[in-house]
Amino acid sequence: MFPGMNAKNVHQMMKKMGMQQEEIEATEVIIRTAEGDILIKDPQVSKVNVMGQTTYQIVGEEEKVEAKITEEDIETVMSQAGVSREYARAALEDSKGDIAEAIILLKKE
C-alpha cells in the first residue's frame, strides 16, 4: 500500500487516521453501465471505512460484456411501440439494450 513501510506500521497509521480496511473474498465484480457491463474476474476487493464513509477498491482485469437483449425485452418493446420483432430488436440494439429508450425511439418515428 505504502512503498517502503511494513504492513504493521501501515495498519497502525491507518488506525490512528480512523481508517478500517477489510478484504472481501469475491470471485467476480459486475459494474452495470449504459454501454454494457464491466466484468472483473478474480478481483482483489478491499472495503475501506474512513470516518463513516465506506469505499470499495477493486483491482483486476476488466472484461466488457455487451448488454444482452432477451426475448422478453423484444416482446415488451413490440407491444409498447406497436412494431414488428425486427424493428423492436433493431431499436434495442441501437439503444444498447435500454428498453425505455428503444420504445421512445420507435414512437418518435
N, C-alpha and C. Protein backbone atom coordinates (compact mmCIF):
# COMPACT_ATOMS: atom_id res chain seq x y z
N MET A 1 0.83 -1.20 0.00
CA MET A 1 0.00 0.00 0.00
C MET A 1 0.87 1.26 0.00
N PHE A 2 1.80 1.33 0.96
CA PHE A 2 2.73 2.46 1.03
C PHE A 2 4.13 1.92 0.82
N PRO A 3 4.81 2.28 -0.26
CA PRO A 3 6.14 1.74 -0.52
C PRO A 3 7.12 2.07 0.61
N GLY A 4 7.94 1.10 0.97
CA GLY A 4 8.96 1.32 1.98
C GLY A 4 8.48 1.19 3.42
N MET A 5 7.19 0.94 3.64
CA MET A 5 6.67 0.78 5.00
C MET A 5 6.22 -0.66 5.18
N ASN A 6 6.45 -1.19 6.38
CA ASN A 6 5.98 -2.56 6.60
C ASN A 6 4.50 -2.54 6.94
N ALA A 7 3.88 -3.68 6.83
CA ALA A 7 2.43 -3.79 6.99
C ALA A 7 1.97 -3.36 8.37
N LYS A 8 2.73 -3.70 9.40
CA LYS A 8 2.35 -3.36 10.77
C LYS A 8 2.28 -1.84 10.95
N ASN A 9 3.27 -1.12 10.43
CA ASN A 9 3.28 0.35 10.54
C ASN A 9 2.12 0.97 9.76
N VAL A 10 1.83 0.39 8.61
CA VAL A 10 0.72 0.89 7.79
C VAL A 10 -0.60 0.73 8.55
N HIS A 11 -0.82 -0.43 9.16
CA HIS A 11 -2.08 -0.67 9.90
C HIS A 11 -2.19 0.26 11.11
N GLN A 12 -1.07 0.52 11.79
CA GLN A 12 -1.10 1.44 12.93
C GLN A 12 -1.44 2.85 12.47
N MET A 13 -0.83 3.29 11.36
CA MET A 13 -1.09 4.62 10.83
C MET A 13 -2.56 4.75 10.40
N MET A 14 -3.08 3.71 9.75
CA MET A 14 -4.48 3.73 9.32
C MET A 14 -5.41 3.81 10.52
N LYS A 15 -5.10 3.08 11.57
CA LYS A 15 -5.94 3.09 12.77
C LYS A 15 -5.96 4.48 13.40
N LYS A 16 -4.80 5.14 13.46
CA LYS A 16 -4.73 6.49 14.01
C LYS A 16 -5.54 7.48 13.19
N MET A 17 -5.63 7.25 11.89
CA MET A 17 -6.38 8.14 11.00
C MET A 17 -7.87 7.79 10.96
N GLY A 18 -8.29 6.78 11.71
CA GLY A 18 -9.70 6.38 11.73
C GLY A 18 -10.10 5.54 10.53
N MET A 19 -9.12 4.86 9.92
CA MET A 19 -9.39 4.04 8.74
C MET A 19 -9.44 2.57 9.14
N GLN A 20 -10.41 1.88 8.56
CA GLN A 20 -10.51 0.43 8.75
C GLN A 20 -10.58 -0.19 7.37
N GLN A 21 -9.78 -1.22 7.15
CA GLN A 21 -9.77 -1.90 5.85
C GLN A 21 -10.08 -3.37 6.05
N GLU A 22 -10.91 -3.89 5.16
CA GLU A 22 -11.31 -5.29 5.22
C GLU A 22 -11.23 -5.87 3.82
N GLU A 23 -10.61 -7.02 3.70
CA GLU A 23 -10.54 -7.70 2.40
C GLU A 23 -11.83 -8.50 2.20
N ILE A 24 -12.38 -8.44 1.00
CA ILE A 24 -13.60 -9.17 0.69
C ILE A 24 -13.25 -10.23 -0.34
N GLU A 25 -13.58 -11.48 -0.03
CA GLU A 25 -13.32 -12.55 -0.98
C GLU A 25 -14.42 -12.55 -2.03
N ALA A 26 -14.06 -12.21 -3.25
CA ALA A 26 -15.03 -12.14 -4.34
C ALA A 26 -14.50 -12.94 -5.53
N THR A 27 -15.40 -13.58 -6.24
CA THR A 27 -14.99 -14.33 -7.43
C THR A 27 -15.12 -13.49 -8.69
N GLU A 28 -16.05 -12.51 -8.65
CA GLU A 28 -16.19 -11.58 -9.77
C GLU A 28 -16.95 -10.35 -9.30
N VAL A 29 -16.73 -9.25 -10.00
CA VAL A 29 -17.43 -8.00 -9.73
C VAL A 29 -18.05 -7.55 -11.04
N ILE A 30 -19.32 -7.15 -11.00
CA ILE A 30 -20.01 -6.67 -12.19
C ILE A 30 -20.40 -5.22 -11.97
N ILE A 31 -20.00 -4.36 -12.91
CA ILE A 31 -20.39 -2.95 -12.86
C ILE A 31 -21.30 -2.71 -14.06
N ARG A 32 -22.53 -2.31 -13.79
CA ARG A 32 -23.51 -2.11 -14.86
C ARG A 32 -23.41 -0.67 -15.38
N THR A 33 -23.28 -0.52 -16.69
CA THR A 33 -23.24 0.79 -17.32
C THR A 33 -24.23 0.81 -18.47
N ALA A 34 -24.48 1.99 -19.01
CA ALA A 34 -25.41 2.11 -20.14
C ALA A 34 -24.86 1.41 -21.38
N GLU A 35 -23.55 1.35 -21.51
CA GLU A 35 -22.93 0.74 -22.68
C GLU A 35 -22.79 -0.76 -22.57
N GLY A 36 -23.04 -1.30 -21.40
CA GLY A 36 -22.87 -2.73 -21.17
C GLY A 36 -22.22 -2.93 -19.82
N ASP A 37 -22.06 -4.17 -19.44
CA ASP A 37 -21.48 -4.48 -18.14
C ASP A 37 -19.97 -4.55 -18.22
N ILE A 38 -19.31 -4.23 -17.11
CA ILE A 38 -17.88 -4.44 -16.97
C ILE A 38 -17.73 -5.57 -15.97
N LEU A 39 -17.09 -6.63 -16.39
CA LEU A 39 -16.92 -7.81 -15.56
C LEU A 39 -15.46 -7.89 -15.14
N ILE A 40 -15.22 -8.03 -13.84
CA ILE A 40 -13.86 -8.18 -13.33
C ILE A 40 -13.80 -9.54 -12.66
N LYS A 41 -13.03 -10.45 -13.27
CA LYS A 41 -12.91 -11.81 -12.75
C LYS A 41 -11.73 -11.89 -11.81
N ASP A 42 -11.85 -12.74 -10.79
CA ASP A 42 -10.81 -12.96 -9.78
C ASP A 42 -10.27 -11.64 -9.23
N PRO A 43 -11.14 -10.75 -8.75
CA PRO A 43 -10.68 -9.44 -8.28
C PRO A 43 -10.12 -9.50 -6.86
N GLN A 44 -9.33 -8.50 -6.54
CA GLN A 44 -8.93 -8.25 -5.17
C GLN A 44 -9.79 -7.07 -4.73
N VAL A 45 -10.66 -7.29 -3.76
CA VAL A 45 -11.61 -6.26 -3.33
C VAL A 45 -11.32 -5.88 -1.88
N SER A 46 -11.16 -4.58 -1.66
CA SER A 46 -10.95 -4.06 -0.31
C SER A 46 -12.08 -3.11 0.03
N LYS A 47 -12.62 -3.27 1.22
CA LYS A 47 -13.65 -2.36 1.74
C LYS A 47 -12.95 -1.46 2.74
N VAL A 48 -12.98 -0.16 2.50
CA VAL A 48 -12.28 0.79 3.35
C VAL A 48 -13.30 1.74 3.97
N ASN A 49 -13.24 1.86 5.30
CA ASN A 49 -14.12 2.77 6.01
C ASN A 49 -13.27 3.87 6.62
N VAL A 50 -13.53 5.11 6.21
CA VAL A 50 -12.81 6.27 6.74
C VAL A 50 -13.84 7.20 7.36
N MET A 51 -13.85 7.26 8.66
CA MET A 51 -14.75 8.14 9.40
C MET A 51 -16.20 8.02 8.94
N GLY A 52 -16.67 6.79 8.81
CA GLY A 52 -18.07 6.54 8.47
C GLY A 52 -18.36 6.48 6.97
N GLN A 53 -17.41 6.82 6.14
CA GLN A 53 -17.60 6.78 4.68
C GLN A 53 -16.97 5.49 4.15
N THR A 54 -17.77 4.63 3.53
CA THR A 54 -17.29 3.36 3.02
C THR A 54 -17.01 3.46 1.53
N THR A 55 -15.84 3.00 1.13
CA THR A 55 -15.48 2.92 -0.28
C THR A 55 -14.97 1.51 -0.57
N TYR A 56 -15.00 1.15 -1.84
CA TYR A 56 -14.51 -0.16 -2.26
C TYR A 56 -13.41 0.05 -3.28
N GLN A 57 -12.33 -0.70 -3.13
CA GLN A 57 -11.24 -0.66 -4.08
C GLN A 57 -11.20 -2.02 -4.78
N ILE A 58 -11.23 -2.00 -6.11
CA ILE A 58 -11.26 -3.23 -6.88
C ILE A 58 -10.06 -3.24 -7.81
N VAL A 59 -9.30 -4.33 -7.75
CA VAL A 59 -8.14 -4.48 -8.62
C VAL A 59 -8.31 -5.78 -9.39
N GLY A 60 -8.14 -5.72 -10.70
CA GLY A 60 -8.26 -6.92 -11.53
C GLY A 60 -8.37 -6.56 -12.99
N GLU A 61 -8.44 -7.58 -13.81
CA GLU A 61 -8.56 -7.39 -15.26
C GLU A 61 -10.03 -7.23 -15.63
N GLU A 62 -10.31 -6.19 -16.40
CA GLU A 62 -11.71 -5.96 -16.79
C GLU A 62 -12.01 -6.62 -18.12
N GLU A 63 -13.27 -6.94 -18.25
CA GLU A 63 -13.77 -7.57 -19.46
C GLU A 63 -15.12 -6.93 -19.77
N LYS A 64 -15.25 -6.28 -20.91
CA LYS A 64 -16.52 -5.65 -21.26
C LYS A 64 -17.50 -6.72 -21.75
N VAL A 65 -18.73 -6.60 -21.30
CA VAL A 65 -19.78 -7.52 -21.71
C VAL A 65 -20.90 -6.68 -22.29
N GLU A 66 -21.24 -6.95 -23.53
CA GLU A 66 -22.32 -6.20 -24.18
C GLU A 66 -23.65 -6.51 -23.51
N ALA A 67 -24.53 -5.52 -23.51
CA ALA A 67 -25.86 -5.70 -22.93
C ALA A 67 -26.59 -6.82 -23.67
N LYS A 68 -27.23 -7.70 -22.94
CA LYS A 68 -27.95 -8.82 -23.54
C LYS A 68 -29.39 -8.41 -23.79
N ILE A 69 -29.87 -8.76 -24.95
CA ILE A 69 -31.25 -8.47 -25.32
C ILE A 69 -32.02 -9.78 -25.23
N THR A 70 -33.02 -9.82 -24.34
CA THR A 70 -33.78 -11.04 -24.14
C THR A 70 -35.05 -11.02 -24.99
N GLU A 71 -35.64 -12.16 -25.12
CA GLU A 71 -36.90 -12.30 -25.85
C GLU A 71 -37.99 -11.47 -25.17
N GLU A 72 -37.96 -11.45 -23.85
CA GLU A 72 -38.93 -10.66 -23.08
C GLU A 72 -38.78 -9.16 -23.38
N ASP A 73 -37.52 -8.69 -23.51
CA ASP A 73 -37.28 -7.29 -23.84
C ASP A 73 -37.87 -6.96 -25.21
N ILE A 74 -37.64 -7.84 -26.18
CA ILE A 74 -38.15 -7.62 -27.54
C ILE A 74 -39.66 -7.55 -27.53
N GLU A 75 -40.31 -8.48 -26.82
CA GLU A 75 -41.77 -8.51 -26.77
C GLU A 75 -42.33 -7.28 -26.07
N THR A 76 -41.65 -6.81 -25.04
CA THR A 76 -42.09 -5.59 -24.34
C THR A 76 -42.06 -4.40 -25.30
N VAL A 77 -40.96 -4.25 -26.03
CA VAL A 77 -40.83 -3.14 -26.97
C VAL A 77 -41.87 -3.27 -28.08
N MET A 78 -42.07 -4.49 -28.58
CA MET A 78 -43.06 -4.71 -29.63
C MET A 78 -44.45 -4.25 -29.19
N SER A 79 -44.85 -4.67 -28.00
CA SER A 79 -46.21 -4.36 -27.55
C SER A 79 -46.36 -2.88 -27.21
N GLN A 80 -45.36 -2.28 -26.60
CA GLN A 80 -45.46 -0.87 -26.20
C GLN A 80 -45.35 0.09 -27.38
N ALA A 81 -44.52 -0.27 -28.36
CA ALA A 81 -44.32 0.63 -29.50
C ALA A 81 -45.18 0.25 -30.70
N GLY A 82 -45.79 -0.96 -30.66
CA GLY A 82 -46.64 -1.39 -31.76
C GLY A 82 -45.86 -1.63 -33.04
N VAL A 83 -44.70 -2.29 -32.92
CA VAL A 83 -43.85 -2.54 -34.09
C VAL A 83 -43.56 -4.02 -34.22
N SER A 84 -42.93 -4.39 -35.33
CA SER A 84 -42.57 -5.78 -35.58
C SER A 84 -41.36 -6.18 -34.73
N ARG A 85 -41.12 -7.48 -34.69
CA ARG A 85 -39.98 -8.03 -33.95
C ARG A 85 -38.66 -7.44 -34.46
N GLU A 86 -38.53 -7.32 -35.78
CA GLU A 86 -37.29 -6.81 -36.37
C GLU A 86 -37.02 -5.36 -35.93
N TYR A 87 -38.05 -4.52 -35.96
CA TYR A 87 -37.89 -3.13 -35.53
C TYR A 87 -37.57 -3.05 -34.04
N ALA A 88 -38.25 -3.89 -33.27
CA ALA A 88 -38.02 -3.88 -31.82
C ALA A 88 -36.58 -4.28 -31.50
N ARG A 89 -36.09 -5.34 -32.15
CA ARG A 89 -34.71 -5.79 -31.92
C ARG A 89 -33.71 -4.72 -32.35
N ALA A 90 -33.94 -4.12 -33.51
CA ALA A 90 -33.03 -3.08 -34.02
C ALA A 90 -32.98 -1.89 -33.06
N ALA A 91 -34.13 -1.49 -32.55
CA ALA A 91 -34.18 -0.36 -31.62
C ALA A 91 -33.46 -0.71 -30.31
N LEU A 92 -33.60 -1.94 -29.84
CA LEU A 92 -32.90 -2.36 -28.63
C LEU A 92 -31.39 -2.39 -28.85
N GLU A 93 -30.97 -2.83 -30.02
CA GLU A 93 -29.54 -2.83 -30.34
C GLU A 93 -29.01 -1.40 -30.40
N ASP A 94 -29.78 -0.50 -31.03
CA ASP A 94 -29.36 0.91 -31.12
C ASP A 94 -29.28 1.57 -29.75
N SER A 95 -30.17 1.17 -28.85
CA SER A 95 -30.21 1.77 -27.51
C SER A 95 -29.38 0.97 -26.50
N LYS A 96 -28.58 0.02 -26.99
CA LYS A 96 -27.71 -0.82 -26.16
C LYS A 96 -28.50 -1.54 -25.06
N GLY A 97 -29.69 -2.02 -25.42
CA GLY A 97 -30.50 -2.81 -24.50
C GLY A 97 -31.42 -2.03 -23.59
N ASP A 98 -31.43 -0.70 -23.71
CA ASP A 98 -32.29 0.13 -22.86
C ASP A 98 -33.72 0.10 -23.41
N ILE A 99 -34.61 -0.58 -22.72
CA ILE A 99 -35.98 -0.78 -23.19
C ILE A 99 -36.72 0.54 -23.36
N ALA A 100 -36.65 1.40 -22.35
CA ALA A 100 -37.38 2.67 -22.41
C ALA A 100 -36.89 3.53 -23.58
N GLU A 101 -35.59 3.58 -23.77
CA GLU A 101 -35.04 4.38 -24.88
C GLU A 101 -35.47 3.80 -26.22
N ALA A 102 -35.50 2.48 -26.32
CA ALA A 102 -35.92 1.82 -27.58
C ALA A 102 -37.37 2.18 -27.90
N ILE A 103 -38.24 2.15 -26.90
CA ILE A 103 -39.65 2.49 -27.11
C ILE A 103 -39.79 3.94 -27.54
N ILE A 104 -39.08 4.82 -26.87
CA ILE A 104 -39.14 6.25 -27.21
C ILE A 104 -38.66 6.49 -28.64
N LEU A 105 -37.57 5.84 -29.03
CA LEU A 105 -37.05 5.96 -30.40
C LEU A 105 -38.10 5.53 -31.42
N LEU A 106 -38.75 4.42 -31.17
CA LEU A 106 -39.73 3.89 -32.11
C LEU A 106 -41.00 4.73 -32.17
N LYS A 107 -41.40 5.32 -31.05
CA LYS A 107 -42.61 6.14 -31.04
C LYS A 107 -42.39 7.49 -31.72
N LYS A 108 -41.14 7.92 -31.82
CA LYS A 108 -40.83 9.19 -32.50
C LYS A 108 -40.97 9.07 -34.01
N GLU A 109 -40.78 7.83 -34.53
CA GLU A 109 -40.83 7.63 -35.97
C GLU A 109 -42.21 7.64 -36.52
